Amino acid sequence: MAEKNQGMAAADYARLVGFEGDWRDTWWHQDYLELVARRLGLAAARTVLDVGCGVGHWGQRLATVLAPEAEITGIDHEAGFLEQARARAAGRPGRFTYLQATGEALPFEDGRFDVVTCQTVLMHVADARATLAEMWRVTRPGGLVVLSEPNNLVDPIPTRVALGDLETGELARQVAFEAACVRGRAALGKGDAIVGERLGGYLHELGCEAPEVWTNDACGSLYPPYARPRERLLVDALRGWAALDVSQFGRREDTLAFYLAGGGDEAAFEPLWEAAVAAIRRSVAGIDAGTYQTAGGVLMYLVAGRKPG
């Protein structure tokens, strides 16, 4: 990866990206995964590779729509994450193997897997094209690459609307700030936060004639009393991020570096940073008061391409 755990200790990174607990499992409705499995014929897969598996959320969710005999291999660069993935896999359907490796240099022969997949991984690598080419290499002829990646410039907008920032003009200022951070993050080789927009084109370059692109139907909606299981998990995640005092781009020093590399003005940074971290605290305060409401739309793409056979 571009930089292991964005230069953070594994435990801190796990808290930042929501690896702890089951919140990431709520990203996908089960009936939607079943629909995708029918569309792509995933029941025929017997060998599946989950690249950048973290603590196992994505591969273990996919296992619920795979054949019982399907073998799922997860790779990650962080040994501690793999230990947690093995613990989470205990008693779950499917057969899981977890190995330490990087997506840029997969330790498998050409054409090894029926399905090669990742979730929110290519957005973090320095060269998404190169990592995707490795994934394509280890996919068998006739096999599938399945990618779940966001547009993280769009995703914060519903929160800003829910907080009333459209009316005050703060929404426009924050989108411009975050766009600069997106540009700078990519320029510094830290990953492309809007890579989901590009993946169909990248697959086409690799030889996939007809990439398919869908959007995930799950939303991070919140309505008082925030009692549904999905809502309780999201509220817990929001409280954790508020305690970390981070923006969607991470710590202050990282966000400043991205902003400047993206053409931002250092003199303008501090109020923009404060507004970014305050948005999470304002959401939590509204939850505590029982007033916060949002449809919570996200733009998460699911991109699939079949390797010519």
C-alpha atoms as a PDB file:
ATOM      1  CA  MET A   1       0.000   0.000   0.000  1.00  0.00           C
ATOM      2  CA  ALA A   2       1.055   3.624  -0.392  1.00  0.00           C
ATOM      3  CA  GLU A   3       1.953   3.848   3.277  1.00  0.00           C
ATOM      4  CA  LYS A   4       1.147   1.174   5.802  1.00  0.00           C
ATOM      5  CA  ASN A   5      -1.997   2.199   7.703  1.00  0.00           C
ATOM      6  CA  GLN A   6      -1.476   5.805   6.551  1.00  0.00           C
ATOM      7  CA  GLY A   7       1.492   6.019   8.912  1.00  0.00           C
ATOM      8  CA  MET A   8      -0.667   5.194  11.937  1.00  0.00           C
ATOM      9  CA  ALA A   9      -0.413   2.422  14.515  1.00  0.00           C
ATOM     10  CA  ALA A  10      -2.643  -0.476  13.542  1.00  0.00           C
ATOM     11  CA  ALA A  11      -5.024   0.027  16.474  1.00  0.00           C
ATOM     12  CA  ASP A  12      -5.463   3.739  15.702  1.00  0.00           C
ATOM     13  CA  TYR A  13      -6.036   3.016  12.028  1.00  0.00           C
ATOM     14  CA  ALA A  14      -8.593   0.329  12.886  1.00  0.00           C
ATOM     15  CA  ARG A  15     -10.582   2.874  14.910  1.00  0.00           C
ATOM     16  CA  LEU A  16     -10.331   5.478  12.144  1.00  0.00           C
ATOM     17  CA  VAL A  17     -11.699   3.210   9.399  1.00  0.00           C
ATOM     18  CA  GLY A  18     -14.279   1.389  11.502  1.00  0.00           C
ATOM     19  CA  PHE A  19     -12.676  -2.057  11.544  1.00  0.00           C
ATOM     20  CA  GLU A  20     -13.726  -2.616  15.141  1.00  0.00           C
ATOM     21  CA  GLY A  21     -17.092  -4.276  15.647  1.00  0.00           C
ATOM     22  CA  ASP A  22     -19.785  -4.955  13.064  1.00  0.00           C
ATOM     23  CA  TRP A  23     -20.495  -1.488  11.629  1.00  0.00           C
ATOM     24  CA  ARG A  24     -18.896  -2.342   8.266  1.00  0.00           C
ATOM     25  CA  ASP A  25     -21.155  -5.367   7.951  1.00  0.00           C
ATOM     26  CA  THR A  26     -24.119  -2.967   7.775  1.00  0.00           C
ATOM     27  CA  TRP A  27     -22.811  -1.455   4.529  1.00  0.00           C
ATOM     28  CA  TRP A  28     -24.650  -4.129   2.522  1.00  0.00           C
ATOM     29  CA  HIS A  29     -28.211  -5.390   2.656  1.00  0.00           C
ATOM     30  CA  GLN A  30     -28.361  -9.163   2.429  1.00  0.00           C
ATOM     31  CA  ASP A  31     -30.977  -9.165  -0.333  1.00  0.00           C
ATOM     32  CA  TYR A  32     -28.789  -6.829  -2.390  1.00  0.00           C
ATOM     33  CA  LEU A  33     -25.813  -9.172  -2.065  1.00  0.00           C
ATOM     34  CA  GLU A  34     -28.046 -12.045  -3.120  1.00  0.00           C
ATOM     35  CA  LEU A  35     -29.140 -10.033  -6.166  1.00  0.00           C
ATOM     36  CA  VAL A  36     -25.512  -9.312  -7.098  1.00  0.00           C
ATOM     37  CA  ALA A  37     -24.640 -12.984  -6.680  1.00  0.00           C
ATOM     38  CA  ARG A  38     -27.410 -13.935  -9.121  1.00  0.00           C
ATOM     39  CA  ARG A  39     -26.363 -11.264 -11.609  1.00  0.00           C
ATOM     40  CA  LEU A  40     -22.742 -12.380 -11.588  1.00  0.00           C
ATOM     41  CA  GLY A  41     -23.196 -16.106 -11.075  1.00  0.00           C
ATOM     42  CA  LEU A  42     -21.163 -16.098  -7.870  1.00  0.00           C
ATOM     43  CA  ALA A  43     -22.596 -19.467  -6.813  1.00  0.00           C
ATOM     44  CA  ALA A  44     -20.275 -21.091  -9.377  1.00  0.00           C
ATOM     45  CA  ALA A  45     -17.132 -19.638  -7.750  1.00  0.00           C
ATOM     46  CA  ARG A  46     -14.942 -22.052  -5.813  1.00  0.00           C
ATOM     47  CA  THR A  47     -11.839 -19.894  -5.229  1.00  0.00           C
ATOM     48  CA  VAL A  48     -12.150 -16.281  -4.073  1.00  0.00           C
ATOM     49  CA  LEU A  49      -9.431 -13.765  -3.157  1.00  0.00           C
ATOM     50  CA  ASP A  50     -10.217 -10.771  -0.912  1.00  0.00           C
ATOM     51  CA  VAL A  51      -7.429  -8.212  -1.417  1.00  0.00           C
ATOM     52  CA  GLY A  52      -6.695  -5.863   1.489  1.00  0.00           C
ATOM     53  CA  CYS A  53      -9.154  -7.819   3.612  1.00  0.00           C
ATOM     54  CA  GLY A  54      -8.576  -5.901   6.856  1.00  0.00           C
ATOM     55  CA  VAL A  55     -10.296  -7.800   9.640  1.00  0.00           C
ATOM     56  CA  GLY A  56     -12.427  -9.752   7.196  1.00  0.00           C
ATOM     57  CA  HIS A  57     -15.714  -7.841   6.865  1.00  0.00           C
ATOM     58  CA  TRP A  58     -16.111  -7.876   3.074  1.00  0.00           C
ATOM     59  CA  GLY A  59     -15.016 -11.439   2.350  1.00  0.00           C
ATOM     60  CA  GLN A  60     -17.122 -12.783   5.184  1.00  0.00           C
ATOM     61  CA  ARG A  61     -20.198 -10.908   3.952  1.00  0.00           C
ATOM     62  CA  LEU A  62     -19.642 -12.294   0.455  1.00  0.00           C
ATOM     63  CA  ALA A  63     -19.347 -15.803   1.899  1.00  0.00           C
ATOM     64  CA  THR A  64     -23.062 -15.683   2.694  1.00  0.00           C
ATOM     65  CA  VAL A  65     -23.881 -15.714  -1.047  1.00  0.00           C
ATOM     66  CA  LEU A  66     -21.186 -18.179  -2.142  1.00  0.00           C
ATOM     67  CA  ALA A  67     -21.411 -21.945  -2.342  1.00  0.00           C
ATOM     68  CA  PRO A  68     -20.626 -23.697   0.980  1.00  0.00           C
ATOM     69  CA  GLU A  69     -17.572 -25.307  -0.583  1.00  0.00           C
ATOM     70  CA  ALA A  70     -16.119 -22.021  -1.842  1.00  0.00           C
ATOM     71  CA  GLU A  71     -12.656 -21.277  -0.454  1.00  0.00           C
ATOM     72  CA  ILE A  72     -11.994 -17.630   0.461  1.00  0.00           C
ATOM     73  CA  THR A  73      -8.442 -16.339   0.821  1.00  0.00           C
ATOM     74  CA  GLY A  74      -7.849 -12.926   2.366  1.00  0.00           C
ATOM     75  CA  ILE A  75      -4.601 -10.985   2.166  1.00  0.00           C
ATOM     76  CA  ASP A  76      -3.561  -7.875   4.074  1.00  0.00           C
ATOM     77  CA  HIS A  77      -0.279  -6.181   4.912  1.00  0.00           C
ATOM     78  CA  GLU A  78      -1.090  -5.943   8.638  1.00  0.00           C
ATOM     79  CA  ALA A  79      -0.608  -9.129  10.682  1.00  0.00           C
ATOM     80  CA  GLY A  80      -2.797  -7.842  13.507  1.00  0.00           C
ATOM     81  CA  PHE A  81      -5.737  -7.384  11.164  1.00  0.00           C
ATOM     82  CA  LEU A  82      -5.339 -10.953   9.933  1.00  0.00           C
ATOM     83  CA  GLU A  83      -5.494 -12.283  13.485  1.00  0.00           C
ATOM     84  CA  GLN A  84      -8.787 -10.460  13.980  1.00  0.00           C
ATOM     85  CA  ALA A  85     -10.081 -11.743  10.634  1.00  0.00           C
ATOM     86  CA  ARG A  86      -9.368 -15.320  11.700  1.00  0.00           C
ATOM     87  CA  ALA A  87     -11.191 -14.738  14.989  1.00  0.00           C
ATOM     88  CA  ARG A  88     -14.195 -13.227  13.204  1.00  0.00           C
ATOM     89  CA  ALA A  89     -14.297 -16.133  10.746  1.00  0.00           C
ATOM     90  CA  ALA A  90     -14.692 -18.744  13.470  1.00  0.00           C
ATOM     91  CA  GLY A  91     -18.081 -20.353  13.057  1.00  0.00           C
ATOM     92  CA  ARG A  92     -19.001 -18.392   9.918  1.00  0.00           C
ATOM     93  CA  PRO A  93     -20.002 -20.096   6.654  1.00  0.00           C
ATOM     94  CA  GLY A  94     -17.262 -20.745   4.132  1.00  0.00           C
ATOM     95  CA  ARG A  95     -13.640 -21.773   4.412  1.00  0.00           C
ATOM     96  CA  PHE A  96     -11.264 -18.891   5.127  1.00  0.00           C
ATOM     97  CA  THR A  97      -7.491 -18.592   4.847  1.00  0.00           C
ATOM     98  CA  TYR A  98      -5.696 -15.359   5.746  1.00  0.00           C
ATOM     99  CA  LEU A  99      -2.186 -14.500   4.554  1.00  0.00           C
ATOM    100  CA  GLN A 100       0.113 -11.512   4.948  1.00  0.00           C
ATOM    101  CA  ALA A 101       0.837  -9.922   1.561  1.00  0.00           C
ATOM    102  CA  THR A 102       0.298  -6.714  -0.407  1.00  0.00           C
ATOM    103  CA  GLY A 103      -2.028  -6.029  -3.290  1.00  0.00           C
ATOM    104  CA  GLU A 104       0.817  -4.623  -5.369  1.00  0.00           C
ATOM    105  CA  ALA A 105       2.629  -8.001  -5.409  1.00  0.00           C
ATOM    106  CA  LEU A 106       0.165 -10.855  -4.950  1.00  0.00           C
ATOM    107  CA  PRO A 107       1.950 -14.137  -4.090  1.00  0.00           C
ATOM    108  CA  PHE A 108      -0.143 -16.291  -6.432  1.00  0.00           C
ATOM    109  CA  GLU A 109       0.285 -17.754  -9.893  1.00  0.00           C
ATOM    110  CA  ASP A 110      -1.535 -16.367 -12.903  1.00  0.00           C
ATOM    111  CA  GLY A 111      -5.197 -17.335 -13.131  1.00  0.00           C
ATOM    112  CA  ARG A 112      -5.381 -18.767  -9.611  1.00  0.00           C
ATOM    113  CA  PHE A 113      -8.865 -17.509  -8.570  1.00  0.00           C
ATOM    114  CA  ASP A 114     -12.418 -17.593  -9.898  1.00  0.00           C
ATOM    115  CA  VAL A 115     -13.216 -14.264  -8.237  1.00  0.00           C
ATOM    116  CA  VAL A 116     -10.841 -11.530  -7.054  1.00  0.00           C
ATOM    117  CA  THR A 117     -12.373  -8.725  -5.036  1.00  0.00           C
ATOM    118  CA  CYS A 118     -11.702  -5.821  -2.693  1.00  0.00           C
ATOM    119  CA  GLN A 119     -13.627  -3.243  -0.689  1.00  0.00           C
ATOM    120  CA  THR A 120     -12.342   0.302  -0.065  1.00  0.00           C
ATOM    121  CA  VAL A 121      -8.760  -0.746  -0.863  1.00  0.00           C
ATOM    122  CA  LEU A 122      -7.925   0.794  -4.236  1.00  0.00           C
ATOM    123  CA  MET A 123      -8.783   4.216  -2.796  1.00  0.00           C
ATOM    124  CA  HIS A 124      -5.738   3.871  -0.526  1.00  0.00           C
ATOM    125  CA  VAL A 125      -3.031   2.608  -2.897  1.00  0.00           C
ATOM    126  CA  ALA A 126      -0.534   4.832  -4.677  1.00  0.00           C
ATOM    127  CA  ASP A 127      -1.255   3.289  -8.085  1.00  0.00           C
ATOM    128  CA  ALA A 128      -4.743   1.798  -8.365  1.00  0.00           C
ATOM    129  CA  ARG A 129      -4.112   0.746 -11.960  1.00  0.00           C
ATOM    130  CA  ALA A 130      -1.058  -1.314 -10.973  1.00  0.00           C
ATOM    131  CA  THR A 131      -2.825  -3.025  -8.072  1.00  0.00           C
ATOM    132  CA  LEU A 132      -5.855  -3.750 -10.239  1.00  0.00           C
ATOM    133  CA  ALA A 133      -3.541  -5.242 -12.897  1.00  0.00           C
ATOM    134  CA  GLU A 134      -2.209  -7.645 -10.239  1.00  0.00           C
ATOM    135  CA  MET A 135      -5.756  -8.603  -9.297  1.00  0.00           C
ATOM    136  CA  TRP A 136      -6.550  -9.165 -12.986  1.00  0.00           C
ATOM    137  CA  ARG A 137      -3.420 -11.309 -13.385  1.00  0.00           C
ATOM    138  CA  VAL A 138      -4.441 -13.789 -10.689  1.00  0.00           C
ATOM    139  CA  THR A 139      -8.024 -14.012 -11.996  1.00  0.00           C
ATOM    140  CA  ARG A 140      -8.608 -17.063 -14.186  1.00  0.00           C
ATOM    141  CA  PRO A 141      -9.779 -16.623 -17.786  1.00  0.00           C
ATOM    142  CA  GLY A 142     -13.549 -16.360 -17.568  1.00  0.00           C
ATOM    143  CA  GLY A 143     -13.317 -15.286 -13.931  1.00  0.00           C
ATOM    144  CA  LEU A 144     -14.474 -12.078 -12.292  1.00  0.00           C
ATOM    145  CA  VAL A 145     -12.973  -9.030 -10.656  1.00  0.00           C
ATOM    146  CA  VAL A 146     -15.473  -7.395  -8.280  1.00  0.00           C
ATOM    147  CA  LEU A 147     -14.616  -4.005  -6.754  1.00  0.00           C
ATOM    148  CA  SER A 148     -16.383  -1.991  -4.053  1.00  0.00           C
ATOM    149  CA  GLU A 149     -15.048   1.566  -3.932  1.00  0.00           C
ATOM    150  CA  PRO A 150     -16.597   4.964  -3.095  1.00  0.00           C
ATOM    151  CA  ASN A 151     -16.670   8.513  -4.258  1.00  0.00           C
ATOM    152  CA  ASN A 152     -15.619  10.109  -0.976  1.00  0.00           C
ATOM    153  CA  LEU A 153     -16.041  13.638  -2.274  1.00  0.00           C
ATOM    154  CA  VAL A 154     -19.786  13.086  -2.579  1.00  0.00           C
ATOM    155  CA  ASP A 155     -20.366  11.011   0.566  1.00  0.00           C
ATOM    156  CA  PRO A 156     -20.093  13.835   3.189  1.00  0.00           C
ATOM    157  CA  ILE A 157     -22.646  16.051   1.418  1.00  0.00           C
ATOM    158  CA  PRO A 158     -25.816  14.502   2.943  1.00  0.00           C
ATOM    159  CA  THR A 159     -24.404  15.063   6.427  1.00  0.00           C
ATOM    160  CA  ARG A 160     -23.745  18.709   5.610  1.00  0.00           C
ATOM    161  CA  VAL A 161     -27.276  19.129   4.267  1.00  0.00           C
ATOM    162  CA  ALA A 162     -28.716  17.490   7.389  1.00  0.00           C
ATOM    163  CA  LEU A 163     -26.753  19.954   9.529  1.00  0.00           C
ATOM    164  CA  GLY A 164     -28.185  22.955   7.640  1.00  0.00           C
ATOM    165  CA  ASP A 165     -24.914  23.910   5.951  1.00  0.00           C
ATOM    166  CA  LEU A 166     -26.545  24.375   2.554  1.00  0.00           C
ATOM    167  CA  GLU A 167     -28.437  27.372   3.876  1.00  0.00           C
ATOM    168  CA  THR A 168     -25.363  28.990   5.434  1.00  0.00           C
ATOM    169  CA  GLY A 169     -23.012  28.479   2.483  1.00  0.00           C
ATOM    170  CA  GLU A 170     -20.755  26.237   4.555  1.00  0.00           C
ATOM    171  CA  LEU A 171     -21.513  23.280   2.276  1.00  0.00           C
ATOM    172  CA  ALA A 172     -19.898  24.972  -0.734  1.00  0.00           C
ATOM    173  CA  ARG A 173     -16.813  25.949   1.274  1.00  0.00           C
ATOM    174  CA  GLN A 174     -16.381  22.440   2.619  1.00  0.00           C
ATOM    175  CA  VAL A 175     -16.813  20.759  -0.770  1.00  0.00           C
ATOM    176  CA  ALA A 176     -14.103  23.021  -2.200  1.00  0.00           C
ATOM    177  CA  PHE A 177     -11.870  22.205   0.785  1.00  0.00           C
ATOM    178  CA  GLU A 178     -12.425  18.475   0.423  1.00  0.00           C
ATOM    179  CA  ALA A 179     -11.881  18.618  -3.361  1.00  0.00           C
ATOM    180  CA  ALA A 180      -8.452  20.175  -2.721  1.00  0.00           C
ATOM    181  CA  CYS A 181      -7.694  17.389  -0.231  1.00  0.00           C
ATOM    182  CA  VAL A 182      -8.751  14.741  -2.769  1.00  0.00           C
ATOM    183  CA  ARG A 183      -6.412  16.250  -5.380  1.00  0.00           C
ATOM    184  CA  GLY A 184      -3.542  16.559  -2.927  1.00  0.00           C
ATOM    185  CA  ARG A 185      -3.945  13.067  -1.511  1.00  0.00           C
ATOM    186  CA  ALA A 186      -3.639  11.613  -4.996  1.00  0.00           C
ATOM    187  CA  ALA A 187      -0.711  13.908  -5.879  1.00  0.00           C
ATOM    188  CA  LEU A 188       1.187  12.701  -2.796  1.00  0.00           C
ATOM    189  CA  GLY A 189       0.651   9.044  -3.715  1.00  0.00           C
ATOM    190  CA  LYS A 190      -1.682   8.407  -0.779  1.00  0.00           C
ATOM    191  CA  GLY A 191      -4.579   7.158  -2.874  1.00  0.00           C
ATOM    192  CA  ASP A 192      -7.502   8.397  -4.939  1.00  0.00           C
ATOM    193  CA  ALA A 193     -10.556   9.014  -2.746  1.00  0.00           C
ATOM    194  CA  ILE A 194     -12.850   9.068  -5.793  1.00  0.00           C
ATOM    195  CA  VAL A 195     -11.366   5.999  -7.476  1.00  0.00           C
ATOM    196  CA  GLY A 196     -14.807   4.402  -7.710  1.00  0.00           C
ATOM    197  CA  GLU A 197     -15.515   6.787 -10.607  1.00  0.00           C
ATOM    198  CA  ARG A 198     -12.591   5.400 -12.600  1.00  0.00           C
ATOM    199  CA  LEU A 199     -12.700   1.644 -12.129  1.00  0.00           C
ATOM    200  CA  GLY A 200     -14.864   0.740 -15.094  1.00  0.00           C
ATOM    201  CA  GLY A 201     -12.363   2.507 -17.338  1.00  0.00           C
ATOM    202  CA  TYR A 202      -9.419   0.773 -15.685  1.00  0.00           C
ATOM    203  CA  LEU A 203     -11.027  -2.639 -16.225  1.00  0.00           C
ATOM    204  CA  HIS A 204     -11.682  -1.753 -19.859  1.00  0.00           C
ATOM    205  CA  GLU A 205      -7.984  -0.910 -20.275  1.00  0.00           C
ATOM    206  CA  LEU A 206      -7.100  -4.364 -18.940  1.00  0.00           C
ATOM    207  CA  GLY A 207      -9.221  -6.072 -21.581  1.00  0.00           C
ATOM    208  CA  CYS A 208     -12.682  -6.260 -20.031  1.00  0.00           C
ATOM    209  CA  GLU A 209     -15.077  -5.480 -22.871  1.00  0.00           C
ATOM    210  CA  ALA A 210     -18.164  -4.671 -20.816  1.00  0.00           C
ATOM    211  CA  PRO A 211     -17.545  -3.625 -17.201  1.00  0.00           C
ATOM    212  CA  GLU A 212     -20.710  -3.441 -15.134  1.00  0.00           C
ATOM    213  CA  VAL A 213     -21.256  -0.716 -12.551  1.00  0.00           C
ATOM    214  CA  TRP A 214     -23.949  -0.497  -9.885  1.00  0.00           C
ATOM    215  CA  THR A 215     -24.431   1.595  -6.780  1.00  0.00           C
ATOM    216  CA  ASN A 216     -24.914   0.085  -3.352  1.00  0.00           C
ATOM    217  CA  ASP A 217     -28.474   0.537  -2.074  1.00  0.00           C
ATOM    218  CA  ALA A 218     -27.583   0.883   1.639  1.00  0.00           C
ATOM    219  CA  CYS A 219     -27.810   4.306   3.299  1.00  0.00           C
ATOM    220  CA  GLY A 220     -26.529   5.514   6.657  1.00  0.00           C
ATOM    221  CA  SER A 221     -29.927   6.867   7.645  1.00  0.00           C
ATOM    222  CA  LEU A 222     -30.535   8.076  11.192  1.00  0.00           C
ATOM    223  CA  TYR A 223     -33.876   8.996  12.766  1.00  0.00           C
ATOM    224  CA  PRO A 224     -34.778   9.337  16.457  1.00  0.00           C
ATOM    225  CA  PRO A 225     -34.704   7.295  18.613  1.00  0.00           C
ATOM    226  CA  TYR A 226     -31.851   5.675  16.590  1.00  0.00           C
ATOM    227  CA  ALA A 227     -32.982   2.272  17.834  1.00  0.00           C
ATOM    228  CA  ARG A 228     -32.541   0.016  14.816  1.00  0.00           C
ATOM    229  CA  PRO A 229     -29.424  -2.195  14.991  1.00  0.00           C
ATOM    230  CA  ARG A 230     -27.870  -0.476  11.945  1.00  0.00           C
ATOM    231  CA  GLU A 231     -28.457   2.922  13.532  1.00  0.00           C
ATOM    232  CA  ARG A 232     -26.969   1.914  16.881  1.00  0.00           C
ATOM    233  CA  LEU A 233     -23.802   0.698  15.160  1.00  0.00           C
ATOM    234  CA  LEU A 234     -23.509   3.913  13.132  1.00  0.00           C
ATOM    235  CA  VAL A 235     -24.045   6.087  16.212  1.00  0.00           C
ATOM    236  CA  ASP A 236     -21.267   4.194  17.996  1.00  0.00           C
ATOM    237  CA  ALA A 237     -18.984   4.783  15.009  1.00  0.00           C
ATOM    238  CA  LEU A 238     -19.781   8.509  14.946  1.00  0.00           C
ATOM    239  CA  ARG A 239     -18.998   8.814  18.657  1.00  0.00           C
ATOM    240  CA  GLY A 240     -15.671   7.099  18.072  1.00  0.00           C
ATOM    241  CA  TRP A 241     -14.716   9.486  15.267  1.00  0.00           C
ATOM    242  CA  ALA A 242     -15.765  12.504  17.310  1.00  0.00           C
ATOM    243  CA  ALA A 243     -13.439  11.350  20.085  1.00  0.00           C
ATOM    244  CA  LEU A 244     -10.544  10.970  17.611  1.00  0.00           C
ATOM    245  CA  ASP A 245     -10.903  14.594  16.415  1.00  0.00           C
ATOM    246  CA  VAL A 246     -10.332  13.718  12.757  1.00  0.00           C
ATOM    247  CA  SER A 247     -11.714  14.743   9.385  1.00  0.00           C
ATOM    248  CA  GLN A 248     -12.610  12.276   6.648  1.00  0.00           C
ATOM    249  CA  PHE A 249      -8.973  12.646   5.554  1.00  0.00           C
ATOM    250  CA  GLY A 250      -7.614  11.644   8.948  1.00  0.00           C
ATOM    251  CA  ARG A 251      -5.435  13.617  11.328  1.00  0.00           C
ATOM    252  CA  ARG A 252      -4.841  17.355  11.136  1.00  0.00           C
ATOM    253  CA  GLU A 253      -1.253  17.054   9.865  1.00  0.00           C
ATOM    254  CA  ASP A 254      -2.279  14.649   7.100  1.00  0.00           C
ATOM    255  CA  THR A 255      -5.246  16.780   6.065  1.00  0.00           C
ATOM    256  CA  LEU A 256      -3.068  19.903   5.921  1.00  0.00           C
ATOM    257  CA  ALA A 257      -0.525  18.126   3.724  1.00  0.00           C
ATOM    258  CA  PHE A 258      -3.263  16.951   1.349  1.00  0.00           C
ATOM    259  CA  TYR A 259      -4.864  20.408   1.234  1.00  0.00           C
ATOM    260  CA  LEU A 260      -1.619  22.183   0.396  1.00  0.00           C
ATOM    261  CA  ALA A 261      -0.628  19.590  -2.212  1.00  0.00           C
ATOM    262  CA  GLY A 262      -4.056  20.073  -3.790  1.00  0.00           C
ATOM    263  CA  GLY A 263      -3.519  23.800  -4.211  1.00  0.00           C
ATOM    264  CA  GLY A 264      -5.027  25.022  -0.954  1.00  0.00           C
ATOM    265  CA  ASP A 265      -4.039  28.233   0.831  1.00  0.00           C
ATOM    266  CA  GLU A 266      -2.386  27.550   4.191  1.00  0.00           C
ATOM    267  CA  ALA A 267      -3.823  30.762   5.632  1.00  0.00           C
ATOM    268  CA  ALA A 268      -7.337  29.460   4.934  1.00  0.00           C
ATOM    269  CA  PHE A 269      -6.776  26.002   6.393  1.00  0.00           C
ATOM    270  CA  GLU A 270      -7.551  26.376  10.094  1.00  0.00           C
ATOM    271  CA  PRO A 271     -11.214  27.440   9.903  1.00  0.00           C
ATOM    272  CA  LEU A 272     -11.866  24.836   7.217  1.00  0.00           C
ATOM    273  CA  TRP A 273     -10.274  22.143   9.365  1.00  0.00           C
ATOM    274  CA  GLU A 274     -12.257  23.198  12.425  1.00  0.00           C
ATOM    275  CA  ALA A 275     -15.487  23.118  10.438  1.00  0.00           C
ATOM    276  CA  ALA A 276     -14.658  19.643   9.106  1.00  0.00           C
ATOM    277  CA  VAL A 277     -14.066  18.068  12.513  1.00  0.00           C
ATOM    278  CA  ALA A 278     -16.938  20.037  14.068  1.00  0.00           C
ATOM    279  CA  ALA A 279     -19.413  18.449  11.630  1.00  0.00           C
ATOM    280  CA  ILE A 280     -19.021  15.067  13.317  1.00  0.00           C
ATOM    281  CA  ARG A 281     -19.346  16.612  16.785  1.00  0.00           C
ATOM    282  CA  ARG A 282     -22.473  18.498  15.667  1.00  0.00           C
ATOM    283  CA  SER A 283     -23.990  15.266  14.392  1.00  0.00           C
ATOM    284  CA  VAL A 284     -23.342  13.559  17.722  1.00  0.00           C
ATOM    285  CA  ALA A 285     -24.756  16.530  19.633  1.00  0.00           C
ATOM    286  CA  GLY A 286     -27.903  16.327  17.516  1.00  0.00           C
ATOM    287  CA  ILE A 287     -28.180  12.618  18.226  1.00  0.00           C
ATOM    288  CA  ASP A 288     -27.818  13.281  21.957  1.00  0.00           C
ATOM    289  CA  ALA A 289     -30.567  15.877  21.700  1.00  0.00           C
ATOM    290  CA  GLY A 290     -32.772  13.571  19.624  1.00  0.00           C
ATOM    291  CA  THR A 291     -32.990  16.107  16.778  1.00  0.00           C
ATOM    292  CA  TYR A 292     -30.547  14.819  14.144  1.00  0.00           C
ATOM    293  CA  GLN A 293     -32.138  13.281  11.042  1.00  0.00           C
ATOM    294  CA  THR A 294     -30.549  12.217   7.768  1.00  0.00           C
ATOM    295  CA  ALA A 295     -31.328   9.924   4.848  1.00  0.00           C
ATOM    296  CA  GLY A 296     -27.579   9.293   4.867  1.00  0.00           C
ATOM    297  CA  GLY A 297     -27.026   8.583   1.186  1.00  0.00           C
ATOM    298  CA  VAL A 298     -23.594   7.343   0.125  1.00  0.00           C
ATOM    299  CA  LEU A 299     -22.044   6.837  -3.306  1.00  0.00           C
ATOM    300  CA  MET A 300     -20.463   3.389  -3.110  1.00  0.00           C
ATOM    301  CA  TYR A 301     -19.899   1.711  -6.462  1.00  0.00           C
ATOM    302  CA  LEU A 302     -19.845  -1.998  -7.154  1.00  0.00           C
ATOM    303  CA  VAL A 303     -17.838  -2.587 -10.321  1.00  0.00           C
ATOM    304  CA  ALA A 304     -17.505  -5.998 -11.958  1.00  0.00           C
ATOM    305  CA  GLY A 305     -15.516  -7.186 -14.936  1.00  0.00           C
ATOM    306  CA  ARG A 306     -15.102 -10.610 -16.490  1.00  0.00           C
ATOM    307  CA  LYS A 307     -11.686 -11.655 -17.791  1.00  0.00           C
ATOM    308  CA  PRO A 308     -11.844 -12.939 -21.361  1.00  0.00           C
ATOM    309  CA  GLY A 309     -11.547 -16.719 -21.461  1.00  0.00           C
END
